[in-house]
Amino acid sequence: MAGHSHWAGIKHKKGKADKQRSAIFSKLSREITVAAKLGDKNPDMNSRLRSAIQAARSANMPKDNIERAIDKSSIAEDSNFESIRYEGFGPAKTAVIVLSLTDNKNRTASNLRTIFQKHGGSLGTQGSASHNFIQQGIIKINKEQVEEEKVFNLAIDAGANECIFREYYYEIQTDKDKIYDVKNIMEKEISNFISTDIEWTSINKIKLNEEDKEKMIKFLEILNSDDDVQKIFTNAL
């Protein structure tokens, strides 16, 4: 029975991992389709599409999936997805920004409001939480791609504001309107990027105790499981 229980546990973990992977691919596919629909289907001529494809590759999405998502943009003329920002407060009064891509904003707002309320938070109006953040261009590069000194010099020469060495990747911070100018220069020396995006960076972080951390993790997991949610930013530490 022990062996059976062990196998059941493995299957459960694998099933959960497969489900999470499928959800990630679904969100990435939606972004690729919308980016291709709103702009050129050639990623060299469409920076949003190029960034979406790079994010998909970093998540190990198969090439066929990426191509299908681009092709889908031609037959999705009746699908009107909107990019909508929602703001609110989560556990321990942490500020939260949720970026969504939805074809039904009433459904999305209702779902998010329920999730916030069930976890002791509240969904607010636009501006209620975003004053705790600033928008920055964030370029992420795997550490295996390039040495520290080289990436630092490249970033500064390209006009970036900061080059931060994270555990597994480099984070290049730029003014949000200069992100693609910086990236275009860096692309001459670096071929693969984890992601290139405009992100909301918290100004003042809130340090959570262990109990609130657990609540926050659960809250973010459930929030992220909503199909319409693309990205989440919080000032929780």
C-alpha atoms as a PDB file:
ATOM      1  CA  MET A   1       0.000   0.000   0.000  1.00  0.00           C
ATOM      2  CA  ALA A   2       2.897   2.306   0.658  1.00  0.00           C
ATOM      3  CA  GLY A   3       3.978   2.037  -2.955  1.00  0.00           C
ATOM      4  CA  HIS A   4       0.457   2.719  -4.132  1.00  0.00           C
ATOM      5  CA  SER A   5       0.204   5.791  -1.901  1.00  0.00           C
ATOM      6  CA  HIS A   6       3.555   7.043  -3.171  1.00  0.00           C
ATOM      7  CA  TRP A   7       2.440   6.621  -6.798  1.00  0.00           C
ATOM      8  CA  ALA A   8      -0.837   8.379  -6.057  1.00  0.00           C
ATOM      9  CA  GLY A   9       1.132  11.261  -4.565  1.00  0.00           C
ATOM     10  CA  ILE A  10       3.366  11.492  -7.606  1.00  0.00           C
ATOM     11  CA  LYS A  11       0.376  11.447  -9.939  1.00  0.00           C
ATOM     12  CA  HIS A  12      -1.293  14.167  -7.886  1.00  0.00           C
ATOM     13  CA  LYS A  13       1.823  16.351  -8.017  1.00  0.00           C
ATOM     14  CA  LYS A  14       2.297  15.717 -11.730  1.00  0.00           C
ATOM     15  CA  GLY A  15      -1.373  16.450 -12.352  1.00  0.00           C
ATOM     16  CA  LYS A  16      -1.085  19.747 -10.473  1.00  0.00           C
ATOM     17  CA  ALA A  17       2.105  20.658 -12.371  1.00  0.00           C
ATOM     18  CA  ASP A  18       0.483  19.790 -15.713  1.00  0.00           C
ATOM     19  CA  LYS A  19      -2.567  21.871 -14.816  1.00  0.00           C
ATOM     20  CA  GLN A  20      -0.393  24.858 -13.872  1.00  0.00           C
ATOM     21  CA  ARG A  21       1.637  24.462 -17.074  1.00  0.00           C
ATOM     22  CA  SER A  22      -1.555  24.352 -19.134  1.00  0.00           C
ATOM     23  CA  ALA A  23      -2.853  27.502 -17.421  1.00  0.00           C
ATOM     24  CA  ILE A  24       0.411  29.335 -18.088  1.00  0.00           C
ATOM     25  CA  PHE A  25       0.368  28.311 -21.752  1.00  0.00           C
ATOM     26  CA  SER A  26      -3.256  29.453 -22.036  1.00  0.00           C
ATOM     27  CA  LYS A  27      -2.430  32.938 -20.706  1.00  0.00           C
ATOM     28  CA  LEU A  28       0.648  33.222 -22.921  1.00  0.00           C
ATOM     29  CA  SER A  29      -1.316  32.071 -25.985  1.00  0.00           C
ATOM     30  CA  ARG A  30      -3.999  34.681 -25.336  1.00  0.00           C
ATOM     31  CA  GLU A  31      -1.371  37.449 -25.136  1.00  0.00           C
ATOM     32  CA  ILE A  32       0.275  36.248 -28.375  1.00  0.00           C
ATOM     33  CA  THR A  33      -3.074  36.128 -30.184  1.00  0.00           C
ATOM     34  CA  VAL A  34      -4.100  39.617 -29.034  1.00  0.00           C
ATOM     35  CA  ALA A  35      -0.655  41.088 -29.810  1.00  0.00           C
ATOM     36  CA  ALA A  36      -0.753  39.598 -33.317  1.00  0.00           C
ATOM     37  CA  LYS A  37      -4.326  40.789 -33.841  1.00  0.00           C
ATOM     38  CA  LEU A  38      -3.595  44.375 -32.774  1.00  0.00           C
ATOM     39  CA  GLY A  39      -0.321  44.696 -34.708  1.00  0.00           C
ATOM     40  CA  ASP A  40       1.865  43.086 -37.346  1.00  0.00           C
ATOM     41  CA  LYS A  41       2.071  39.284 -37.316  1.00  0.00           C
ATOM     42  CA  ASN A  42       5.809  39.587 -37.870  1.00  0.00           C
ATOM     43  CA  PRO A  43       7.433  39.831 -34.409  1.00  0.00           C
ATOM     44  CA  ASP A  44      10.297  41.891 -35.872  1.00  0.00           C
ATOM     45  CA  MET A  45       7.725  44.597 -36.655  1.00  0.00           C
ATOM     46  CA  ASN A  46       5.652  44.176 -33.481  1.00  0.00           C
ATOM     47  CA  SER A  47       7.431  44.672 -30.150  1.00  0.00           C
ATOM     48  CA  ARG A  48       4.468  43.443 -28.075  1.00  0.00           C
ATOM     49  CA  LEU A  49       4.288  40.222 -30.085  1.00  0.00           C
ATOM     50  CA  ARG A  50       8.055  39.765 -29.902  1.00  0.00           C
ATOM     51  CA  SER A  51       7.966  40.101 -26.109  1.00  0.00           C
ATOM     52  CA  ALA A  52       5.022  37.684 -25.856  1.00  0.00           C
ATOM     53  CA  ILE A  53       6.847  35.083 -27.956  1.00  0.00           C
ATOM     54  CA  GLN A  54      10.012  35.451 -25.864  1.00  0.00           C
ATOM     55  CA  ALA A  55       7.986  34.934 -22.679  1.00  0.00           C
ATOM     56  CA  ALA A  56       6.408  31.829 -24.220  1.00  0.00           C
ATOM     57  CA  ARG A  57       9.799  30.413 -25.176  1.00  0.00           C
ATOM     58  CA  SER A  58      11.122  31.081 -21.669  1.00  0.00           C
ATOM     59  CA  ALA A  59       8.180  29.032 -20.350  1.00  0.00           C
ATOM     60  CA  ASN A  60       9.152  26.221 -22.771  1.00  0.00           C
ATOM     61  CA  MET A  61       5.990  26.557 -24.810  1.00  0.00           C
ATOM     62  CA  PRO A  62       6.292  24.372 -27.960  1.00  0.00           C
ATOM     63  CA  LYS A  63       6.857  26.181 -31.248  1.00  0.00           C
ATOM     64  CA  ASP A  64       3.628  24.723 -32.674  1.00  0.00           C
ATOM     65  CA  ASN A  65       1.619  26.284 -29.833  1.00  0.00           C
ATOM     66  CA  ILE A  66       3.169  29.682 -30.535  1.00  0.00           C
ATOM     67  CA  GLU A  67       2.420  29.448 -34.254  1.00  0.00           C
ATOM     68  CA  ARG A  68      -1.174  28.355 -33.577  1.00  0.00           C
ATOM     69  CA  ALA A  69      -1.669  31.337 -31.263  1.00  0.00           C
ATOM     70  CA  ILE A  70      -0.448  33.707 -33.996  1.00  0.00           C
ATOM     71  CA  ASP A  71      -2.641  32.023 -36.636  1.00  0.00           C
ATOM     72  CA  LYS A  72      -5.636  32.270 -34.309  1.00  0.00           C
ATOM     73  CA  SER A  73      -5.432  36.063 -34.506  1.00  0.00           C
ATOM     74  CA  SER A  74      -6.701  35.890 -38.107  1.00  0.00           C
ATOM     75  CA  ILE A  75      -9.858  34.011 -37.131  1.00  0.00           C
ATOM     76  CA  ALA A  76     -10.497  35.836 -33.863  1.00  0.00           C
ATOM     77  CA  GLU A  77     -11.851  39.038 -35.372  1.00  0.00           C
ATOM     78  CA  ASP A  78     -15.044  38.707 -33.333  1.00  0.00           C
ATOM     79  CA  SER A  79     -13.148  38.317 -30.060  1.00  0.00           C
ATOM     80  CA  ASN A  80     -12.683  41.728 -28.497  1.00  0.00           C
ATOM     81  CA  PHE A  81     -10.241  41.304 -25.643  1.00  0.00           C
ATOM     82  CA  GLU A  82      -9.550  44.328 -23.486  1.00  0.00           C
ATOM     83  CA  SER A  83      -6.559  44.991 -21.277  1.00  0.00           C
ATOM     84  CA  ILE A  84      -8.012  46.172 -17.959  1.00  0.00           C
ATOM     85  CA  ARG A  85      -6.218  47.080 -14.737  1.00  0.00           C
ATOM     86  CA  TYR A  86      -7.854  46.264 -11.422  1.00  0.00           C
ATOM     87  CA  GLU A  87      -6.628  47.535  -8.073  1.00  0.00           C
ATOM     88  CA  GLY A  88      -7.346  46.589  -4.513  1.00  0.00           C
ATOM     89  CA  PHE A  89      -6.038  45.442  -1.166  1.00  0.00           C
ATOM     90  CA  GLY A  90      -5.207  41.882  -0.170  1.00  0.00           C
ATOM     91  CA  PRO A  91      -4.332  40.217   3.140  1.00  0.00           C
ATOM     92  CA  ALA A  92      -2.701  42.514   5.730  1.00  0.00           C
ATOM     93  CA  LYS A  93      -3.822  45.563   3.692  1.00  0.00           C
ATOM     94  CA  THR A  94      -1.230  44.903   0.983  1.00  0.00           C
ATOM     95  CA  ALA A  95      -1.657  46.899  -2.212  1.00  0.00           C
ATOM     96  CA  VAL A  96      -2.389  44.757  -5.278  1.00  0.00           C
ATOM     97  CA  ILE A  97      -2.550  45.507  -8.996  1.00  0.00           C
ATOM     98  CA  VAL A  98      -4.052  42.922 -11.350  1.00  0.00           C
ATOM     99  CA  LEU A  99      -3.616  43.181 -15.113  1.00  0.00           C
ATOM    100  CA  SER A 100      -6.238  41.265 -17.065  1.00  0.00           C
ATOM    101  CA  LEU A 101      -6.998  40.412 -20.675  1.00  0.00           C
ATOM    102  CA  THR A 102     -10.722  39.788 -20.897  1.00  0.00           C
ATOM    103  CA  ASP A 103     -13.604  39.603 -23.337  1.00  0.00           C
ATOM    104  CA  ASN A 104     -16.125  40.117 -20.527  1.00  0.00           C
ATOM    105  CA  LYS A 105     -15.141  42.783 -18.008  1.00  0.00           C
ATOM    106  CA  ASN A 106     -18.281  42.259 -15.882  1.00  0.00           C
ATOM    107  CA  ARG A 107     -17.361  38.589 -15.387  1.00  0.00           C
ATOM    108  CA  THR A 108     -13.754  39.440 -14.567  1.00  0.00           C
ATOM    109  CA  ALA A 109     -14.661  42.196 -12.097  1.00  0.00           C
ATOM    110  CA  SER A 110     -17.163  39.924 -10.352  1.00  0.00           C
ATOM    111  CA  ASN A 111     -14.671  37.038 -10.098  1.00  0.00           C
ATOM    112  CA  LEU A 112     -11.883  39.258  -8.767  1.00  0.00           C
ATOM    113  CA  ARG A 113     -14.159  40.980  -6.261  1.00  0.00           C
ATOM    114  CA  THR A 114     -15.167  37.578  -4.868  1.00  0.00           C
ATOM    115  CA  ILE A 115     -11.542  36.405  -4.599  1.00  0.00           C
ATOM    116  CA  PHE A 116     -10.453  39.596  -2.823  1.00  0.00           C
ATOM    117  CA  GLN A 117     -13.353  39.448  -0.365  1.00  0.00           C
ATOM    118  CA  LYS A 118     -12.872  35.760   0.445  1.00  0.00           C
ATOM    119  CA  HIS A 119      -9.287  36.481   1.470  1.00  0.00           C
ATOM    120  CA  GLY A 120      -9.984  39.441   3.705  1.00  0.00           C
ATOM    121  CA  GLY A 121      -9.326  42.094   1.086  1.00  0.00           C
ATOM    122  CA  SER A 122     -11.322  44.389  -1.152  1.00  0.00           C
ATOM    123  CA  LEU A 123     -11.357  45.384  -4.799  1.00  0.00           C
ATOM    124  CA  GLY A 124     -11.046  49.149  -5.187  1.00  0.00           C
ATOM    125  CA  THR A 125     -11.272  51.711  -7.957  1.00  0.00           C
ATOM    126  CA  GLN A 126      -8.441  52.555 -10.341  1.00  0.00           C
ATOM    127  CA  GLY A 127      -5.937  54.687  -8.455  1.00  0.00           C
ATOM    128  CA  SER A 128      -6.769  53.260  -5.044  1.00  0.00           C
ATOM    129  CA  ALA A 129      -3.605  51.113  -4.941  1.00  0.00           C
ATOM    130  CA  SER A 130      -1.446  52.225  -7.869  1.00  0.00           C
ATOM    131  CA  HIS A 131      -0.105  55.275  -6.004  1.00  0.00           C
ATOM    132  CA  ASN A 132       2.009  52.740  -4.089  1.00  0.00           C
ATOM    133  CA  PHE A 133       3.822  51.797  -7.315  1.00  0.00           C
ATOM    134  CA  ILE A 134       5.774  53.262 -10.194  1.00  0.00           C
ATOM    135  CA  GLN A 135       5.826  51.910 -13.738  1.00  0.00           C
ATOM    136  CA  GLN A 136       9.184  50.797 -15.099  1.00  0.00           C
ATOM    137  CA  GLY A 137      10.508  48.947 -18.096  1.00  0.00           C
ATOM    138  CA  ILE A 138      11.858  45.603 -16.891  1.00  0.00           C
ATOM    139  CA  ILE A 139      14.080  43.377 -19.034  1.00  0.00           C
ATOM    140  CA  LYS A 140      15.008  39.972 -17.612  1.00  0.00           C
ATOM    141  CA  ILE A 141      17.936  37.892 -18.861  1.00  0.00           C
ATOM    142  CA  ASN A 142      18.966  34.409 -17.749  1.00  0.00           C
ATOM    143  CA  LYS A 143      22.340  34.463 -15.992  1.00  0.00           C
ATOM    144  CA  GLU A 144      23.560  31.659 -18.243  1.00  0.00           C
ATOM    145  CA  GLN A 145      23.317  33.980 -21.251  1.00  0.00           C
ATOM    146  CA  VAL A 146      26.014  36.473 -20.340  1.00  0.00           C
ATOM    147  CA  GLU A 147      28.564  37.361 -17.661  1.00  0.00           C
ATOM    148  CA  GLU A 148      27.788  39.966 -14.993  1.00  0.00           C
ATOM    149  CA  GLU A 149      30.322  42.568 -16.072  1.00  0.00           C
ATOM    150  CA  LYS A 150      29.268  42.376 -19.712  1.00  0.00           C
ATOM    151  CA  VAL A 151      25.530  42.659 -19.043  1.00  0.00           C
ATOM    152  CA  PHE A 152      26.110  45.565 -16.646  1.00  0.00           C
ATOM    153  CA  ASN A 153      28.175  47.496 -19.208  1.00  0.00           C
ATOM    154  CA  LEU A 154      25.694  46.702 -21.997  1.00  0.00           C
ATOM    155  CA  ALA A 155      22.756  47.893 -19.908  1.00  0.00           C
ATOM    156  CA  ILE A 156      24.360  51.159 -18.842  1.00  0.00           C
ATOM    157  CA  ASP A 157      25.662  51.902 -22.366  1.00  0.00           C
ATOM    158  CA  ALA A 158      22.162  51.221 -23.743  1.00  0.00           C
ATOM    159  CA  GLY A 159      20.673  53.829 -21.397  1.00  0.00           C
ATOM    160  CA  ALA A 160      19.203  51.640 -18.638  1.00  0.00           C
ATOM    161  CA  ASN A 161      18.733  53.045 -15.140  1.00  0.00           C
ATOM    162  CA  GLU A 162      19.725  49.969 -13.148  1.00  0.00           C
ATOM    163  CA  CYS A 163      21.116  46.476 -13.587  1.00  0.00           C
ATOM    164  CA  ILE A 164      20.176  44.253 -10.632  1.00  0.00           C
ATOM    165  CA  PHE A 165      21.681  40.812 -10.101  1.00  0.00           C
ATOM    166  CA  ARG A 166      18.908  38.452  -8.976  1.00  0.00           C
ATOM    167  CA  GLU A 167      19.477  34.830  -7.968  1.00  0.00           C
ATOM    168  CA  TYR A 168      18.806  33.308 -11.394  1.00  0.00           C
ATOM    169  CA  TYR A 169      18.531  36.277 -13.728  1.00  0.00           C
ATOM    170  CA  TYR A 170      19.596  39.854 -14.403  1.00  0.00           C
ATOM    171  CA  GLU A 171      16.943  42.537 -14.116  1.00  0.00           C
ATOM    172  CA  ILE A 172      17.462  45.614 -16.266  1.00  0.00           C
ATOM    173  CA  GLN A 173      15.354  48.603 -15.196  1.00  0.00           C
ATOM    174  CA  THR A 174      14.563  51.418 -17.636  1.00  0.00           C
ATOM    175  CA  ASP A 175      12.185  54.330 -18.057  1.00  0.00           C
ATOM    176  CA  LYS A 176       8.986  52.733 -19.363  1.00  0.00           C
ATOM    177  CA  ASP A 177       9.097  54.682 -22.652  1.00  0.00           C
ATOM    178  CA  LYS A 178      12.718  53.652 -23.314  1.00  0.00           C
ATOM    179  CA  ILE A 179      12.430  49.912 -22.738  1.00  0.00           C
ATOM    180  CA  TYR A 180      12.474  48.882 -26.407  1.00  0.00           C
ATOM    181  CA  ASP A 181      15.245  51.340 -27.288  1.00  0.00           C
ATOM    182  CA  VAL A 182      17.395  49.765 -24.562  1.00  0.00           C
ATOM    183  CA  LYS A 183      16.452  46.256 -25.614  1.00  0.00           C
ATOM    184  CA  ASN A 184      17.152  46.874 -29.303  1.00  0.00           C
ATOM    185  CA  ILE A 185      20.710  47.870 -28.408  1.00  0.00           C
ATOM    186  CA  MET A 186      21.196  44.896 -26.087  1.00  0.00           C
ATOM    187  CA  GLU A 187      19.827  42.487 -28.718  1.00  0.00           C
ATOM    188  CA  LYS A 188      22.970  43.083 -30.763  1.00  0.00           C
ATOM    189  CA  GLU A 189      24.921  41.152 -28.112  1.00  0.00           C
ATOM    190  CA  ILE A 190      22.258  38.982 -26.426  1.00  0.00           C
ATOM    191  CA  SER A 191      19.893  36.706 -28.334  1.00  0.00           C
ATOM    192  CA  ASN A 192      17.591  35.297 -25.642  1.00  0.00           C
ATOM    193  CA  PHE A 193      15.579  37.225 -23.054  1.00  0.00           C
ATOM    194  CA  ILE A 194      13.293  35.868 -20.345  1.00  0.00           C
ATOM    195  CA  SER A 195      10.870  38.768 -20.690  1.00  0.00           C
ATOM    196  CA  THR A 196      10.526  42.405 -21.672  1.00  0.00           C
ATOM    197  CA  ASP A 197       7.653  44.247 -20.086  1.00  0.00           C
ATOM    198  CA  ILE A 198       6.299  47.322 -18.356  1.00  0.00           C
ATOM    199  CA  GLU A 199       5.891  46.388 -14.686  1.00  0.00           C
ATOM    200  CA  TRP A 200       4.487  48.063 -11.592  1.00  0.00           C
ATOM    201  CA  THR A 201       7.265  48.294  -9.007  1.00  0.00           C
ATOM    202  CA  SER A 202       6.261  48.969  -5.408  1.00  0.00           C
ATOM    203  CA  ILE A 203       7.658  52.103  -3.781  1.00  0.00           C
ATOM    204  CA  ASN A 204       7.260  51.000  -0.154  1.00  0.00           C
ATOM    205  CA  LYS A 205       7.065  47.293   0.590  1.00  0.00           C
ATOM    206  CA  ILE A 206       5.096  45.763   3.475  1.00  0.00           C
ATOM    207  CA  LYS A 207       6.915  43.016   5.389  1.00  0.00           C
ATOM    208  CA  LEU A 208       4.510  40.218   6.295  1.00  0.00           C
ATOM    209  CA  ASN A 209       4.700  37.880   9.260  1.00  0.00           C
ATOM    210  CA  GLU A 210       4.595  34.114   8.628  1.00  0.00           C
ATOM    211  CA  GLU A 211       0.833  33.831   9.100  1.00  0.00           C
ATOM    212  CA  ASP A 212       0.091  36.678   6.689  1.00  0.00           C
ATOM    213  CA  LYS A 213       2.645  35.298   4.233  1.00  0.00           C
ATOM    214  CA  GLU A 214       0.713  32.020   4.039  1.00  0.00           C
ATOM    215  CA  LYS A 215      -2.524  33.914   3.498  1.00  0.00           C
ATOM    216  CA  MET A 216      -0.878  36.021   0.789  1.00  0.00           C
ATOM    217  CA  ILE A 217       0.532  33.007  -1.046  1.00  0.00           C
ATOM    218  CA  LYS A 218      -2.882  31.316  -1.103  1.00  0.00           C
ATOM    219  CA  PHE A 219      -4.569  34.538  -2.212  1.00  0.00           C
ATOM    220  CA  LEU A 220      -2.107  35.060  -5.074  1.00  0.00           C
ATOM    221  CA  GLU A 221      -2.370  31.433  -6.207  1.00  0.00           C
ATOM    222  CA  ILE A 222      -6.158  31.615  -6.454  1.00  0.00           C
ATOM    223  CA  LEU A 223      -6.017  35.042  -8.097  1.00  0.00           C
ATOM    224  CA  ASN A 224      -3.518  33.790 -10.666  1.00  0.00           C
ATOM    225  CA  SER A 225      -5.687  30.750 -11.439  1.00  0.00           C
ATOM    226  CA  ASP A 226      -8.360  32.992 -12.969  1.00  0.00           C
ATOM    227  CA  ASP A 227      -8.161  32.677 -16.761  1.00  0.00           C
ATOM    228  CA  ASP A 228      -8.523  36.426 -17.319  1.00  0.00           C
ATOM    229  CA  VAL A 229      -5.644  37.382 -15.018  1.00  0.00           C
ATOM    230  CA  GLN A 230      -2.371  37.954 -16.840  1.00  0.00           C
ATOM    231  CA  LYS A 231      -0.095  39.589 -14.238  1.00  0.00           C
ATOM    232  CA  ILE A 232      -0.188  40.484 -10.563  1.00  0.00           C
ATOM    233  CA  PHE A 233       1.885  43.062  -8.701  1.00  0.00           C
ATOM    234  CA  THR A 234       1.935  43.609  -4.945  1.00  0.00           C
ATOM    235  CA  ASN A 235       3.918  45.541  -2.362  1.00  0.00           C
ATOM    236  CA  ALA A 236       4.083  42.514  -0.047  1.00  0.00           C
ATOM    237  CA  LEU A 237       7.579  41.470   0.973  1.00  0.00           C
END
